[in-house]
N, C-alpha and C. Protein backbone atom coordinates (compact mmCIF):
# COMPACT_ATOMS: atom_id res chain seq x y z
N MET A 1 -15.64 -192.03 -46.80
CA MET A 1 -14.63 -193.00 -47.08
C MET A 1 -13.60 -192.99 -45.89
N LYS A 2 -13.20 -191.83 -45.42
CA LYS A 2 -12.25 -191.72 -44.31
C LYS A 2 -12.83 -192.32 -43.01
N LYS A 3 -14.10 -192.05 -42.80
CA LYS A 3 -14.75 -192.63 -41.63
C LYS A 3 -14.80 -194.12 -41.61
N ALA A 4 -15.06 -194.70 -42.85
CA ALA A 4 -15.06 -196.10 -42.99
C ALA A 4 -13.74 -196.77 -42.71
N ILE A 5 -12.74 -196.13 -43.25
CA ILE A 5 -11.33 -196.68 -43.03
C ILE A 5 -10.93 -196.57 -41.58
N LEU A 6 -11.23 -195.42 -40.93
CA LEU A 6 -10.84 -195.21 -39.56
C LEU A 6 -11.61 -196.26 -38.66
N ALA A 7 -12.89 -196.54 -39.00
CA ALA A 7 -13.63 -197.51 -38.24
C ALA A 7 -12.99 -198.91 -38.38
N VAL A 8 -12.62 -199.27 -39.57
CA VAL A 8 -11.88 -200.57 -39.81
C VAL A 8 -10.53 -200.65 -39.08
N LEU A 9 -9.81 -199.55 -39.08
CA LEU A 9 -8.54 -199.52 -38.32
C LEU A 9 -8.81 -199.69 -36.82
N ALA A 10 -9.86 -199.08 -36.29
CA ALA A 10 -10.15 -199.14 -34.86
C ALA A 10 -10.47 -200.61 -34.50
N VAL A 11 -11.26 -201.32 -35.35
CA VAL A 11 -11.63 -202.68 -35.01
C VAL A 11 -10.34 -203.53 -35.14
N THR A 12 -9.50 -203.28 -36.17
CA THR A 12 -8.26 -204.03 -36.29
C THR A 12 -7.35 -203.84 -35.02
N ALA A 13 -7.28 -202.64 -34.52
CA ALA A 13 -6.46 -202.41 -33.30
C ALA A 13 -7.03 -203.24 -32.19
N GLY A 14 -8.34 -203.29 -32.06
CA GLY A 14 -8.92 -204.12 -31.01
C GLY A 14 -8.62 -205.58 -31.14
N MET A 15 -8.65 -206.05 -32.36
CA MET A 15 -8.36 -207.51 -32.54
C MET A 15 -6.90 -207.80 -32.29
N MET A 16 -6.01 -206.84 -32.46
CA MET A 16 -4.56 -207.04 -32.25
C MET A 16 -4.23 -207.27 -30.76
N ALA A 17 -5.21 -206.84 -29.91
CA ALA A 17 -5.04 -207.02 -28.45
C ALA A 17 -5.21 -208.50 -28.05
N VAL A 18 -5.79 -209.29 -28.96
CA VAL A 18 -5.96 -210.72 -28.64
C VAL A 18 -4.67 -211.43 -28.74
N ASN A 19 -4.44 -212.41 -27.87
CA ASN A 19 -3.15 -213.14 -27.88
C ASN A 19 -3.08 -213.99 -29.15
N ALA A 20 -2.10 -213.63 -30.06
CA ALA A 20 -2.05 -214.33 -31.36
C ALA A 20 -1.50 -215.75 -31.21
N SER A 21 -0.97 -216.09 -30.05
CA SER A 21 -0.37 -217.39 -29.87
C SER A 21 -1.44 -218.44 -29.46
N ALA A 22 -2.62 -218.07 -29.28
CA ALA A 22 -3.70 -219.01 -28.83
C ALA A 22 -3.98 -219.95 -29.98
N GLN A 23 -4.55 -221.13 -29.63
CA GLN A 23 -4.95 -222.09 -30.62
C GLN A 23 -6.18 -221.52 -31.38
N THR A 24 -6.25 -221.86 -32.72
CA THR A 24 -7.37 -221.37 -33.51
C THR A 24 -8.63 -222.11 -33.10
N THR A 25 -9.73 -221.40 -33.27
CA THR A 25 -11.03 -221.96 -32.94
C THR A 25 -11.89 -221.85 -34.15
N PRO A 26 -13.17 -222.28 -34.15
CA PRO A 26 -14.06 -222.12 -35.29
C PRO A 26 -14.45 -220.66 -35.59
N TRP A 27 -14.10 -219.77 -34.75
CA TRP A 27 -14.57 -218.36 -34.95
C TRP A 27 -13.55 -217.48 -35.67
N GLN A 28 -14.16 -216.63 -36.51
CA GLN A 28 -13.34 -215.61 -37.26
C GLN A 28 -14.07 -214.32 -37.35
N VAL A 29 -13.33 -213.26 -37.17
CA VAL A 29 -13.92 -211.89 -37.23
C VAL A 29 -13.15 -211.14 -38.30
N ARG A 30 -13.93 -210.40 -39.15
CA ARG A 30 -13.27 -209.51 -40.16
C ARG A 30 -13.75 -208.13 -39.97
N ALA A 31 -12.98 -207.12 -40.41
CA ALA A 31 -13.36 -205.79 -40.45
C ALA A 31 -13.05 -205.33 -41.91
N ARG A 32 -14.03 -204.68 -42.58
CA ARG A 32 -13.89 -204.28 -43.95
C ARG A 32 -14.29 -202.83 -44.14
N ALA A 33 -13.72 -202.17 -45.17
CA ALA A 33 -14.32 -201.02 -45.75
C ALA A 33 -15.05 -201.46 -46.95
N VAL A 34 -16.31 -201.11 -47.10
CA VAL A 34 -17.17 -201.65 -48.14
C VAL A 34 -17.78 -200.48 -48.95
N HIS A 35 -17.61 -200.58 -50.25
CA HIS A 35 -18.22 -199.60 -51.19
C HIS A 35 -19.54 -200.12 -51.68
N ILE A 36 -20.63 -199.37 -51.48
CA ILE A 36 -21.96 -199.75 -51.92
C ILE A 36 -22.29 -199.05 -53.24
N ASP A 37 -22.57 -199.90 -54.25
CA ASP A 37 -22.90 -199.35 -55.54
C ASP A 37 -24.29 -199.81 -55.98
N PRO A 38 -25.34 -198.99 -55.71
CA PRO A 38 -26.73 -199.46 -55.98
C PRO A 38 -26.94 -199.60 -57.51
N ALA A 39 -27.88 -200.54 -57.84
CA ALA A 39 -28.25 -200.74 -59.19
C ALA A 39 -29.11 -199.60 -59.75
N ASP A 40 -29.79 -198.87 -58.88
CA ASP A 40 -30.55 -197.70 -59.25
C ASP A 40 -31.62 -197.95 -60.38
N LYS A 41 -32.40 -198.98 -60.08
CA LYS A 41 -33.54 -199.26 -61.02
C LYS A 41 -34.85 -198.97 -60.26
N SER A 42 -35.68 -198.17 -60.78
CA SER A 42 -36.96 -197.91 -60.23
C SER A 42 -38.05 -197.72 -61.27
N ASP A 43 -39.31 -197.95 -60.84
CA ASP A 43 -40.42 -197.64 -61.72
C ASP A 43 -40.51 -196.12 -61.73
N PRO A 44 -41.11 -195.57 -62.86
CA PRO A 44 -41.36 -194.12 -62.89
C PRO A 44 -42.26 -193.71 -61.77
N LEU A 45 -41.92 -192.56 -61.19
CA LEU A 45 -42.71 -192.10 -60.05
C LEU A 45 -44.15 -191.80 -60.55
N GLY A 46 -45.10 -192.49 -59.91
CA GLY A 46 -46.53 -192.32 -60.39
C GLY A 46 -46.86 -193.37 -61.43
N GLY A 47 -45.87 -194.14 -61.90
CA GLY A 47 -46.15 -195.24 -62.84
C GLY A 47 -46.33 -194.92 -64.25
N VAL A 48 -46.03 -193.66 -64.63
CA VAL A 48 -46.23 -193.29 -66.00
C VAL A 48 -44.95 -192.53 -66.46
N GLY A 49 -44.60 -192.64 -67.79
CA GLY A 49 -43.56 -191.87 -68.35
C GLY A 49 -42.23 -192.57 -68.14
N ALA A 50 -41.21 -192.11 -68.90
CA ALA A 50 -39.93 -192.74 -68.77
C ALA A 50 -39.00 -191.94 -67.86
N SER A 51 -39.47 -190.77 -67.40
CA SER A 51 -38.60 -189.99 -66.53
C SER A 51 -39.11 -190.12 -65.06
N ASP A 52 -38.66 -189.18 -64.24
CA ASP A 52 -39.14 -189.22 -62.86
C ASP A 52 -38.75 -190.54 -62.21
N ARG A 53 -37.48 -190.92 -62.33
CA ARG A 53 -37.02 -192.17 -61.74
C ARG A 53 -36.14 -191.86 -60.50
N LEU A 54 -36.31 -192.63 -59.45
CA LEU A 54 -35.55 -192.42 -58.19
C LEU A 54 -34.22 -193.25 -58.27
N SER A 55 -33.23 -192.67 -57.60
CA SER A 55 -31.99 -193.40 -57.46
C SER A 55 -31.44 -193.19 -56.02
N VAL A 56 -30.52 -194.06 -55.61
CA VAL A 56 -29.94 -194.02 -54.27
C VAL A 56 -28.46 -193.76 -54.41
N SER A 57 -27.92 -193.00 -53.48
CA SER A 57 -26.49 -192.59 -53.59
C SER A 57 -25.58 -193.71 -53.32
N LYS A 58 -24.37 -193.76 -53.92
CA LYS A 58 -23.27 -194.64 -53.61
C LYS A 58 -22.67 -194.23 -52.25
N LYS A 59 -21.98 -195.19 -51.59
CA LYS A 59 -21.47 -194.82 -50.29
C LYS A 59 -20.41 -195.94 -49.89
N THR A 60 -19.40 -195.49 -49.13
CA THR A 60 -18.44 -196.43 -48.54
C THR A 60 -18.62 -196.46 -47.05
N ILE A 61 -18.83 -197.68 -46.49
CA ILE A 61 -19.14 -197.83 -45.09
C ILE A 61 -18.19 -198.79 -44.41
N PRO A 62 -18.17 -198.77 -43.04
CA PRO A 62 -17.45 -199.86 -42.33
C PRO A 62 -18.33 -201.03 -42.14
N GLU A 63 -17.75 -202.21 -42.05
CA GLU A 63 -18.53 -203.49 -41.94
C GLU A 63 -17.75 -204.41 -41.06
N VAL A 64 -18.41 -205.13 -40.24
CA VAL A 64 -17.78 -206.16 -39.37
C VAL A 64 -18.58 -207.50 -39.67
N ASP A 65 -17.90 -208.59 -39.88
CA ASP A 65 -18.62 -209.84 -40.01
C ASP A 65 -18.03 -210.90 -39.00
N ILE A 66 -18.93 -211.77 -38.64
CA ILE A 66 -18.50 -212.81 -37.68
C ILE A 66 -18.79 -214.18 -38.35
N SER A 67 -17.78 -215.00 -38.44
CA SER A 67 -17.92 -216.30 -39.15
C SER A 67 -17.77 -217.48 -38.12
N TYR A 68 -18.47 -218.55 -38.35
CA TYR A 68 -18.35 -219.78 -37.53
C TYR A 68 -18.12 -220.90 -38.51
N PHE A 69 -17.02 -221.62 -38.39
CA PHE A 69 -16.67 -222.77 -39.28
C PHE A 69 -17.18 -224.05 -38.71
N PHE A 70 -18.19 -224.67 -39.33
CA PHE A 70 -18.67 -225.93 -38.93
C PHE A 70 -17.78 -227.05 -39.29
N THR A 71 -17.09 -226.89 -40.51
CA THR A 71 -15.99 -227.73 -40.91
C THR A 71 -14.94 -226.86 -41.57
N LYS A 72 -13.80 -227.46 -42.04
CA LYS A 72 -12.84 -226.62 -42.71
C LYS A 72 -13.39 -225.86 -43.87
N ASN A 73 -14.39 -226.47 -44.58
CA ASN A 73 -14.84 -225.91 -45.83
C ASN A 73 -16.15 -225.10 -45.62
N ILE A 74 -16.91 -225.42 -44.66
CA ILE A 74 -18.26 -224.81 -44.61
C ILE A 74 -18.34 -223.92 -43.31
N ALA A 75 -18.76 -222.69 -43.64
CA ALA A 75 -18.90 -221.68 -42.52
C ALA A 75 -20.19 -220.88 -42.69
N ALA A 76 -20.62 -220.27 -41.64
CA ALA A 76 -21.76 -219.30 -41.67
C ALA A 76 -21.20 -217.91 -41.34
N GLU A 77 -21.62 -216.91 -42.02
CA GLU A 77 -21.14 -215.54 -41.85
C GLU A 77 -22.29 -214.57 -41.57
N LEU A 78 -22.16 -213.84 -40.49
CA LEU A 78 -23.15 -212.80 -40.15
C LEU A 78 -22.49 -211.47 -40.43
N VAL A 79 -23.10 -210.66 -41.32
CA VAL A 79 -22.55 -209.36 -41.77
C VAL A 79 -23.27 -208.24 -41.05
N LEU A 80 -22.54 -207.37 -40.38
CA LEU A 80 -23.11 -206.34 -39.54
C LEU A 80 -22.52 -204.97 -39.89
N THR A 81 -23.32 -203.94 -39.70
CA THR A 81 -22.84 -202.56 -39.66
C THR A 81 -23.86 -201.74 -38.84
N TYR A 82 -23.69 -200.43 -38.79
CA TYR A 82 -24.68 -199.57 -38.07
C TYR A 82 -25.58 -198.96 -39.17
N PRO A 83 -26.75 -198.33 -38.75
CA PRO A 83 -27.67 -197.74 -39.70
C PRO A 83 -26.91 -196.76 -40.66
N GLN A 84 -27.10 -196.87 -41.95
CA GLN A 84 -26.43 -196.06 -42.91
C GLN A 84 -27.38 -195.06 -43.59
N LYS A 85 -26.89 -193.83 -43.76
CA LYS A 85 -27.70 -192.80 -44.34
C LYS A 85 -27.36 -192.62 -45.86
N HIS A 86 -28.43 -192.60 -46.68
CA HIS A 86 -28.25 -192.42 -48.13
C HIS A 86 -29.08 -191.30 -48.61
N ASP A 87 -28.60 -190.63 -49.71
CA ASP A 87 -29.41 -189.61 -50.36
C ASP A 87 -30.29 -190.33 -51.41
N VAL A 88 -31.50 -189.71 -51.59
CA VAL A 88 -32.39 -190.19 -52.63
C VAL A 88 -32.48 -189.08 -53.65
N ARG A 89 -32.33 -189.46 -54.94
CA ARG A 89 -32.37 -188.51 -56.02
C ARG A 89 -33.46 -188.79 -56.98
N LEU A 90 -34.00 -187.74 -57.57
CA LEU A 90 -35.06 -187.87 -58.54
C LEU A 90 -34.52 -187.16 -59.83
N ASP A 91 -34.26 -187.94 -60.80
CA ASP A 91 -33.63 -187.47 -62.06
C ASP A 91 -32.41 -186.64 -61.76
N GLY A 92 -31.57 -187.14 -60.83
CA GLY A 92 -30.31 -186.42 -60.53
C GLY A 92 -30.33 -185.46 -59.48
N LYS A 93 -31.51 -185.03 -58.99
CA LYS A 93 -31.66 -184.02 -57.97
C LYS A 93 -32.01 -184.65 -56.63
N THR A 94 -31.25 -184.23 -55.54
CA THR A 94 -31.53 -184.82 -54.26
C THR A 94 -32.86 -184.30 -53.74
N ILE A 95 -33.72 -185.34 -53.30
CA ILE A 95 -34.97 -184.97 -52.82
C ILE A 95 -35.19 -185.41 -51.38
N GLY A 96 -34.16 -185.92 -50.80
CA GLY A 96 -34.30 -186.39 -49.40
C GLY A 96 -33.26 -187.43 -49.03
N THR A 97 -33.46 -187.97 -47.78
CA THR A 97 -32.54 -189.00 -47.28
C THR A 97 -33.36 -190.06 -46.55
N PHE A 98 -32.68 -191.20 -46.31
CA PHE A 98 -33.25 -192.25 -45.42
C PHE A 98 -32.07 -192.97 -44.81
N LYS A 99 -32.38 -193.81 -43.81
CA LYS A 99 -31.37 -194.66 -43.16
C LYS A 99 -31.82 -196.13 -43.36
N HIS A 100 -30.85 -196.97 -43.49
CA HIS A 100 -31.16 -198.42 -43.56
C HIS A 100 -30.14 -199.20 -42.76
N LEU A 101 -30.62 -200.31 -42.26
CA LEU A 101 -29.75 -201.28 -41.53
C LEU A 101 -29.85 -202.60 -42.23
N PRO A 102 -28.78 -203.07 -42.88
CA PRO A 102 -28.92 -204.29 -43.78
C PRO A 102 -28.10 -205.49 -43.36
N PRO A 103 -28.35 -206.13 -42.18
CA PRO A 103 -27.63 -207.34 -41.88
C PRO A 103 -27.88 -208.45 -42.83
N SER A 104 -26.86 -209.30 -43.09
CA SER A 104 -27.01 -210.46 -43.94
C SER A 104 -26.44 -211.67 -43.20
N LEU A 105 -27.04 -212.90 -43.56
CA LEU A 105 -26.57 -214.15 -43.05
C LEU A 105 -26.32 -215.05 -44.21
N LEU A 106 -25.07 -215.50 -44.40
CA LEU A 106 -24.71 -216.33 -45.50
C LEU A 106 -24.01 -217.59 -45.10
N VAL A 107 -24.19 -218.68 -45.90
CA VAL A 107 -23.46 -219.88 -45.72
C VAL A 107 -22.39 -219.94 -46.85
N GLN A 108 -21.16 -220.26 -46.44
CA GLN A 108 -20.07 -220.18 -47.37
C GLN A 108 -19.39 -221.59 -47.52
N TYR A 109 -18.79 -221.73 -48.74
CA TYR A 109 -17.96 -222.87 -49.00
C TYR A 109 -16.57 -222.34 -49.30
N HIS A 110 -15.62 -222.84 -48.55
CA HIS A 110 -14.20 -222.45 -48.71
C HIS A 110 -13.46 -223.59 -49.41
N PHE A 111 -12.95 -223.29 -50.66
CA PHE A 111 -12.47 -224.33 -51.55
C PHE A 111 -11.12 -224.91 -51.01
N MET A 112 -10.24 -224.02 -50.55
CA MET A 112 -8.88 -224.48 -50.15
C MET A 112 -8.58 -223.87 -48.77
N PRO A 113 -9.26 -224.34 -47.71
CA PRO A 113 -9.14 -223.67 -46.42
C PRO A 113 -7.71 -223.73 -45.78
N ASP A 114 -6.94 -224.68 -46.27
CA ASP A 114 -5.51 -224.70 -45.64
C ASP A 114 -4.48 -223.98 -46.48
N ALA A 115 -4.91 -223.49 -47.68
CA ALA A 115 -3.97 -222.80 -48.54
C ALA A 115 -3.84 -221.33 -48.11
N GLN A 116 -2.68 -220.72 -48.49
CA GLN A 116 -2.47 -219.33 -48.16
C GLN A 116 -3.48 -218.46 -48.88
N PHE A 117 -3.77 -218.83 -50.15
CA PHE A 117 -4.74 -218.10 -50.94
C PHE A 117 -6.01 -218.96 -50.98
N SER A 118 -7.00 -218.51 -50.20
CA SER A 118 -8.15 -219.35 -49.93
C SER A 118 -9.49 -218.71 -50.47
N PRO A 119 -9.94 -219.10 -51.62
CA PRO A 119 -11.19 -218.51 -52.19
C PRO A 119 -12.42 -219.16 -51.52
N TYR A 120 -13.55 -218.43 -51.63
CA TYR A 120 -14.80 -218.93 -51.09
C TYR A 120 -15.99 -218.33 -51.86
N VAL A 121 -17.11 -218.97 -51.81
CA VAL A 121 -18.37 -218.42 -52.32
C VAL A 121 -19.42 -218.58 -51.19
N GLY A 122 -20.47 -217.79 -51.32
CA GLY A 122 -21.52 -217.86 -50.30
C GLY A 122 -22.86 -217.51 -50.79
N ALA A 123 -23.91 -217.87 -50.16
CA ALA A 123 -25.27 -217.47 -50.48
C ALA A 123 -26.10 -217.43 -49.20
N GLY A 124 -27.09 -216.49 -49.16
CA GLY A 124 -27.93 -216.45 -47.98
C GLY A 124 -29.01 -215.44 -48.13
N ILE A 125 -29.40 -214.80 -47.00
CA ILE A 125 -30.49 -213.86 -46.98
C ILE A 125 -30.05 -212.53 -46.46
N ASN A 126 -30.76 -211.48 -46.84
CA ASN A 126 -30.58 -210.11 -46.32
C ASN A 126 -31.89 -209.64 -45.79
N TRP A 127 -31.80 -208.94 -44.65
CA TRP A 127 -32.99 -208.21 -44.10
C TRP A 127 -32.59 -206.75 -43.93
N THR A 128 -33.32 -205.93 -44.59
CA THR A 128 -33.04 -204.46 -44.49
C THR A 128 -34.20 -203.73 -43.94
N THR A 129 -33.96 -202.93 -42.92
CA THR A 129 -35.08 -202.16 -42.34
C THR A 129 -34.73 -200.67 -42.63
N PHE A 130 -35.74 -199.91 -43.08
CA PHE A 130 -35.60 -198.51 -43.38
C PHE A 130 -36.16 -197.61 -42.28
N SER A 131 -35.50 -196.52 -42.06
CA SER A 131 -35.92 -195.64 -40.93
C SER A 131 -35.55 -194.19 -41.30
N LYS A 132 -36.12 -193.26 -40.56
CA LYS A 132 -35.84 -191.83 -40.67
C LYS A 132 -35.92 -191.39 -42.13
N ASN A 133 -37.05 -191.72 -42.74
CA ASN A 133 -37.32 -191.23 -44.11
C ASN A 133 -37.61 -189.76 -44.13
N LYS A 134 -36.86 -189.02 -44.90
CA LYS A 134 -37.00 -187.62 -45.05
C LYS A 134 -37.01 -187.30 -46.57
N ILE A 135 -38.02 -187.86 -47.27
CA ILE A 135 -38.10 -187.71 -48.72
C ILE A 135 -39.22 -186.78 -49.08
N LEU A 136 -38.96 -185.87 -50.00
CA LEU A 136 -39.95 -184.84 -50.36
C LEU A 136 -40.60 -184.17 -49.15
N ASP A 137 -39.65 -183.75 -48.22
CA ASP A 137 -40.06 -183.02 -46.96
C ASP A 137 -41.04 -183.88 -46.16
N GLY A 138 -40.85 -185.17 -46.22
CA GLY A 138 -41.65 -186.09 -45.40
C GLY A 138 -42.93 -186.53 -46.04
N ALA A 139 -43.20 -186.08 -47.26
CA ALA A 139 -44.41 -186.50 -47.94
C ALA A 139 -44.29 -187.93 -48.47
N ALA A 140 -43.08 -188.43 -48.70
CA ALA A 140 -42.84 -189.71 -49.23
C ALA A 140 -41.98 -190.55 -48.22
N SER A 141 -42.10 -191.90 -48.32
CA SER A 141 -41.38 -192.72 -47.43
C SER A 141 -41.15 -194.07 -48.14
N LEU A 142 -40.20 -194.83 -47.61
CA LEU A 142 -39.85 -196.15 -48.11
C LEU A 142 -40.54 -197.17 -47.18
N GLU A 143 -40.93 -198.35 -47.75
CA GLU A 143 -41.51 -199.35 -47.05
C GLU A 143 -40.55 -199.83 -45.92
N HIS A 144 -41.12 -200.28 -44.81
CA HIS A 144 -40.28 -200.49 -43.60
C HIS A 144 -39.27 -201.53 -43.74
N ASP A 145 -39.56 -202.73 -44.33
CA ASP A 145 -38.66 -203.82 -44.33
C ASP A 145 -38.51 -204.38 -45.76
N SER A 146 -37.30 -205.04 -45.99
CA SER A 146 -37.05 -205.65 -47.28
C SER A 146 -36.30 -206.97 -46.95
N PHE A 147 -36.83 -208.09 -47.56
CA PHE A 147 -36.18 -209.33 -47.38
C PHE A 147 -35.69 -209.82 -48.84
N GLY A 148 -34.47 -210.28 -48.97
CA GLY A 148 -34.00 -210.65 -50.25
C GLY A 148 -32.80 -211.58 -50.22
N LEU A 149 -32.38 -211.99 -51.30
CA LEU A 149 -31.23 -212.93 -51.44
C LEU A 149 -29.97 -212.21 -51.37
N ALA A 150 -28.90 -212.90 -51.00
CA ALA A 150 -27.54 -212.33 -50.97
C ALA A 150 -26.57 -213.41 -51.46
N VAL A 151 -25.68 -213.04 -52.39
CA VAL A 151 -24.61 -213.99 -52.84
C VAL A 151 -23.30 -213.26 -52.72
N GLN A 152 -22.22 -214.01 -52.61
CA GLN A 152 -20.94 -213.47 -52.43
C GLN A 152 -19.74 -214.35 -53.04
N ALA A 153 -18.65 -213.70 -53.30
CA ALA A 153 -17.44 -214.45 -53.69
C ALA A 153 -16.30 -213.63 -53.10
N GLY A 154 -15.30 -214.32 -52.59
CA GLY A 154 -14.17 -213.65 -51.99
C GLY A 154 -13.00 -214.49 -51.84
N VAL A 155 -11.97 -213.92 -51.23
CA VAL A 155 -10.70 -214.66 -51.04
C VAL A 155 -10.05 -214.10 -49.78
N ASP A 156 -9.50 -215.05 -48.99
CA ASP A 156 -8.67 -214.69 -47.86
C ASP A 156 -7.18 -215.00 -48.22
N TYR A 157 -6.34 -214.07 -47.91
CA TYR A 157 -4.85 -214.26 -48.13
C TYR A 157 -4.28 -214.28 -46.69
N LYS A 158 -3.82 -215.50 -46.28
CA LYS A 158 -3.33 -215.67 -44.96
C LYS A 158 -1.94 -215.11 -44.75
N LEU A 159 -1.79 -214.32 -43.70
CA LEU A 159 -0.54 -213.79 -43.32
C LEU A 159 0.17 -214.65 -42.32
N ASP A 160 -0.56 -215.29 -41.41
CA ASP A 160 -0.08 -216.34 -40.51
C ASP A 160 -1.29 -217.15 -40.07
N LYS A 161 -1.19 -217.85 -39.00
CA LYS A 161 -2.30 -218.80 -38.70
C LYS A 161 -3.51 -218.05 -38.16
N ASN A 162 -3.35 -216.77 -37.73
CA ASN A 162 -4.42 -216.00 -37.19
C ASN A 162 -4.90 -214.90 -38.11
N TRP A 163 -4.01 -214.18 -38.75
CA TRP A 163 -4.33 -213.01 -39.50
C TRP A 163 -4.44 -213.28 -41.00
N SER A 164 -5.32 -212.52 -41.67
CA SER A 164 -5.50 -212.64 -43.11
C SER A 164 -6.02 -211.31 -43.68
N LEU A 165 -5.69 -211.11 -44.92
CA LEU A 165 -6.28 -210.03 -45.75
C LEU A 165 -7.46 -210.58 -46.50
N ASN A 166 -8.43 -209.72 -46.78
CA ASN A 166 -9.70 -210.20 -47.36
C ASN A 166 -10.19 -209.31 -48.49
N LEU A 167 -10.63 -209.89 -49.56
CA LEU A 167 -11.31 -209.19 -50.61
C LEU A 167 -12.66 -209.91 -50.78
N ASP A 168 -13.75 -209.15 -50.82
CA ASP A 168 -15.07 -209.76 -50.83
C ASP A 168 -16.02 -208.97 -51.74
N ILE A 169 -16.81 -209.64 -52.56
CA ILE A 169 -17.79 -208.97 -53.41
C ILE A 169 -19.11 -209.65 -53.15
N LYS A 170 -20.13 -208.79 -52.92
CA LYS A 170 -21.48 -209.28 -52.68
C LYS A 170 -22.48 -208.60 -53.59
N LYS A 171 -23.57 -209.36 -53.92
CA LYS A 171 -24.70 -208.81 -54.59
C LYS A 171 -25.93 -209.08 -53.72
N ILE A 172 -26.61 -208.01 -53.33
CA ILE A 172 -27.76 -208.13 -52.37
C ILE A 172 -29.03 -207.59 -52.98
N GLN A 173 -30.06 -208.33 -52.72
CA GLN A 173 -31.37 -207.90 -53.21
C GLN A 173 -32.11 -207.08 -52.11
N ILE A 174 -32.17 -205.77 -52.41
CA ILE A 174 -32.87 -204.82 -51.50
C ILE A 174 -33.80 -204.05 -52.33
N ARG A 175 -35.13 -204.17 -52.00
CA ARG A 175 -36.15 -203.51 -52.76
C ARG A 175 -37.21 -202.93 -51.84
N SER A 176 -37.85 -201.81 -52.24
CA SER A 176 -38.76 -201.12 -51.42
C SER A 176 -39.78 -200.36 -52.23
N ASP A 177 -41.02 -200.30 -51.76
CA ASP A 177 -42.05 -199.49 -52.39
C ASP A 177 -41.93 -198.07 -51.83
N VAL A 178 -42.10 -197.10 -52.73
CA VAL A 178 -42.13 -195.67 -52.31
C VAL A 178 -43.63 -195.29 -52.13
N MET A 179 -43.91 -194.90 -50.90
CA MET A 179 -45.25 -194.55 -50.55
C MET A 179 -45.43 -193.01 -50.46
N ILE A 180 -46.41 -192.46 -51.07
CA ILE A 180 -46.81 -191.05 -50.90
C ILE A 180 -48.29 -190.96 -50.50
N GLY A 181 -48.45 -190.48 -49.30
CA GLY A 181 -49.85 -190.34 -48.80
C GLY A 181 -50.50 -191.73 -48.62
N GLY A 182 -49.65 -192.74 -48.31
CA GLY A 182 -50.24 -194.11 -48.07
C GLY A 182 -50.48 -194.86 -49.37
N VAL A 183 -50.15 -194.27 -50.50
CA VAL A 183 -50.35 -194.90 -51.82
C VAL A 183 -49.06 -195.21 -52.45
N LYS A 184 -48.91 -196.35 -53.03
CA LYS A 184 -47.65 -196.77 -53.72
C LYS A 184 -47.45 -195.90 -54.91
N ALA A 185 -46.34 -195.14 -54.98
CA ALA A 185 -46.03 -194.28 -56.14
C ALA A 185 -44.94 -194.83 -57.02
N SER A 186 -44.08 -195.70 -56.50
CA SER A 186 -42.92 -196.23 -57.25
C SER A 186 -42.37 -197.45 -56.47
N LYS A 187 -41.60 -198.24 -57.17
CA LYS A 187 -40.84 -199.36 -56.53
C LYS A 187 -39.33 -199.15 -56.86
N VAL A 188 -38.52 -199.14 -55.84
CA VAL A 188 -37.12 -198.97 -55.99
C VAL A 188 -36.37 -200.30 -55.89
N LYS A 189 -35.50 -200.62 -56.78
CA LYS A 189 -34.66 -201.69 -56.68
C LYS A 189 -33.21 -201.23 -56.41
N VAL A 190 -32.90 -201.22 -55.12
CA VAL A 190 -31.52 -200.80 -54.73
C VAL A 190 -30.46 -201.82 -55.21
N ASP A 191 -30.75 -203.06 -54.95
CA ASP A 191 -29.97 -204.24 -55.40
C ASP A 191 -28.47 -203.91 -55.51
N PRO A 192 -27.74 -203.54 -54.50
CA PRO A 192 -26.41 -203.04 -54.63
C PRO A 192 -25.34 -204.17 -54.79
N VAL A 193 -24.26 -203.76 -55.48
CA VAL A 193 -23.03 -204.56 -55.41
C VAL A 193 -22.15 -203.91 -54.29
N LEU A 194 -21.62 -204.84 -53.43
CA LEU A 194 -20.80 -204.38 -52.33
C LEU A 194 -19.33 -204.96 -52.56
N ILE A 195 -18.41 -204.10 -52.61
CA ILE A 195 -17.05 -204.46 -52.78
C ILE A 195 -16.25 -204.10 -51.53
N GLY A 196 -15.67 -205.12 -50.80
CA GLY A 196 -15.04 -204.82 -49.58
C GLY A 196 -13.62 -205.32 -49.49
N VAL A 197 -12.80 -204.60 -48.77
CA VAL A 197 -11.43 -205.04 -48.48
C VAL A 197 -11.21 -204.86 -46.96
N GLY A 198 -10.43 -205.78 -46.42
CA GLY A 198 -10.25 -205.65 -44.95
C GLY A 198 -9.30 -206.68 -44.44
N VAL A 199 -9.36 -206.83 -43.15
CA VAL A 199 -8.50 -207.86 -42.47
C VAL A 199 -9.31 -208.80 -41.65
N GLY A 200 -8.86 -210.04 -41.41
CA GLY A 200 -9.59 -211.00 -40.64
C GLY A 200 -8.69 -211.58 -39.53
N TYR A 201 -9.27 -212.04 -38.44
CA TYR A 201 -8.60 -212.68 -37.36
C TYR A 201 -9.26 -213.96 -36.99
N ARG A 202 -8.57 -215.10 -37.07
CA ARG A 202 -9.08 -216.42 -36.66
C ARG A 202 -8.67 -216.66 -35.26
N PHE A 203 -9.66 -216.83 -34.33
CA PHE A 203 -9.33 -216.98 -32.90
C PHE A 203 -8.81 -218.39 -32.63
């Protein structure tokens, strides 16, 4: 949590170096601290029984997004972070870790772009790549890539013509097969809810 907040503050400090008196452009950058809350739904390991289910740890991460406004109401948002490490648990016991990189691209509709309180909704796609699988001492791994849908709702609270505060909630479809010895042993539905707070700067 502290690392995520420090990363957001560092990005904010960098944005403050930009001349705030400049005319606004179609570009906006936000920095957020985001809490990842996985759905933790999986098939039983081996496909039998009601136990032996895998789960993925919750985590708070730093996030940066870049938005481009085609019109006052319509924008595209690219959501970025660096590879994130998660624990994998089997019936509550940690059995390993993995890293994932989950960029998302969404199209947004901003209902009241000129208002101080400006809500929006968005929908798009997520691509997640898994790496550095260390599950069951390397005996198990997650499938390399996951493609899924992403939806969001949020609000910007404008402080002035450049700066704003932001609250954002996303639901992302992230799913992967668990492979043991090259054979599918389970399917994990990470499908996290992401709750983010941060600051934005309109150039």
